[in-house]
Protein backbone atom coordinates (compact mmCIF):
# COMPACT_ATOMS: atom_id res chain seq x y z
CA MET A 1 -88.45 57.20 64.89
CA ALA A 2 -86.21 55.28 62.49
CA LYS A 3 -87.57 52.10 61.01
CA TYR A 4 -85.33 49.23 59.99
CA GLU A 5 -85.09 46.84 57.07
CA ILE A 6 -83.20 43.61 56.42
CA LEU A 7 -81.25 43.13 53.21
CA GLU A 8 -81.64 39.99 51.13
CA ASP A 9 -78.04 39.09 52.12
CA CYS A 10 -79.52 37.89 55.42
CA VAL A 11 -78.61 34.29 56.25
CA ASN A 12 -81.55 33.63 58.62
CA CYS A 13 -79.36 33.22 61.70
CA THR A 14 -82.47 34.31 63.71
CA ALA A 15 -80.50 36.62 66.05
CA CYS A 16 -82.80 39.55 65.21
CA LEU A 17 -85.92 37.38 65.12
CA ASN A 18 -85.27 36.16 68.67
CA ALA A 19 -84.29 39.63 69.93
CA CYS A 20 -87.23 41.66 68.57
CA PRO A 21 -89.48 42.60 71.52
CA GLU A 22 -92.39 43.41 69.20
CA GLY A 23 -92.36 40.17 67.19
CA ALA A 24 -91.99 42.28 64.05
CA ILE A 25 -89.50 39.99 62.30
CA SER A 26 -90.47 36.94 60.26
CA GLU A 27 -88.38 34.35 58.46
CA LEU A 28 -88.82 33.83 54.75
CA PRO A 29 -87.15 30.85 53.07
CA LYS A 30 -83.92 32.73 52.31
CA TYR A 31 -83.92 35.79 54.61
CA SER A 32 -85.88 37.57 57.31
CA VAL A 33 -88.14 40.62 56.97
CA ILE A 34 -89.41 43.30 59.31
CA ASP A 35 -93.12 44.11 59.47
CA GLN A 36 -93.04 47.92 59.34
CA GLU A 37 -96.46 48.13 61.01
CA LYS A 38 -95.17 46.31 64.10
CA CYS A 39 -91.67 47.83 64.17
CA THR A 40 -91.27 50.53 66.82
CA GLY A 41 -87.76 51.51 65.71
CA CYS A 42 -86.01 50.34 68.88
CA GLY A 43 -82.92 49.22 66.93
CA ILE A 44 -82.32 45.94 68.75
CA CYS A 45 -82.31 44.09 65.42
CA PHE A 46 -79.59 46.45 64.17
CA ASP A 47 -77.54 45.92 67.33
CA VAL A 48 -77.68 42.11 67.28
CA CYS A 49 -77.19 41.51 63.55
CA LEU A 50 -74.02 39.45 63.18
CA ILE A 51 -73.40 40.27 59.52
CA ASN A 52 -74.57 43.90 59.30
CA VAL A 53 -77.55 43.37 57.00
CA VAL A 54 -80.04 45.33 59.11
CA LEU A 55 -80.24 48.96 58.01
CA LYS A 56 -81.90 52.03 59.41
CA ASP A 57 -84.54 53.41 57.04
CA GLY A 58 -82.80 55.37 54.32
CA GLN A 59 -79.32 54.15 55.24
CA ARG A 60 -77.09 52.86 52.45
CA PRO A 61 -75.38 49.49 52.94
CA MET A 62 -71.67 49.61 53.68
CA ASN A 63 -69.29 47.75 51.37
CA MET A 64 -69.38 44.18 52.63
CA ASP A 65 -66.29 42.89 50.78
C-alpha cells in the first residue's frame, strides 16, 4: 500500500491533520509530517490537501508555479 509524505512547502493549514483517521500526522513549527509507522496509506491526506503538498511515496512533485 502506498505511503504518503508531506513536503516542506506545507503551510500547516491542518486539513490533513484533522482528516487522518490514524492520527499519523503531526504539526512541526513550519509544516506537518506523517508518521510512517502509523500511516496505513488510505490517501485521505492526499485528497484533502489544499495546496498539493502531500505526495504518494515515490511520486515527484508537480510544478507548483
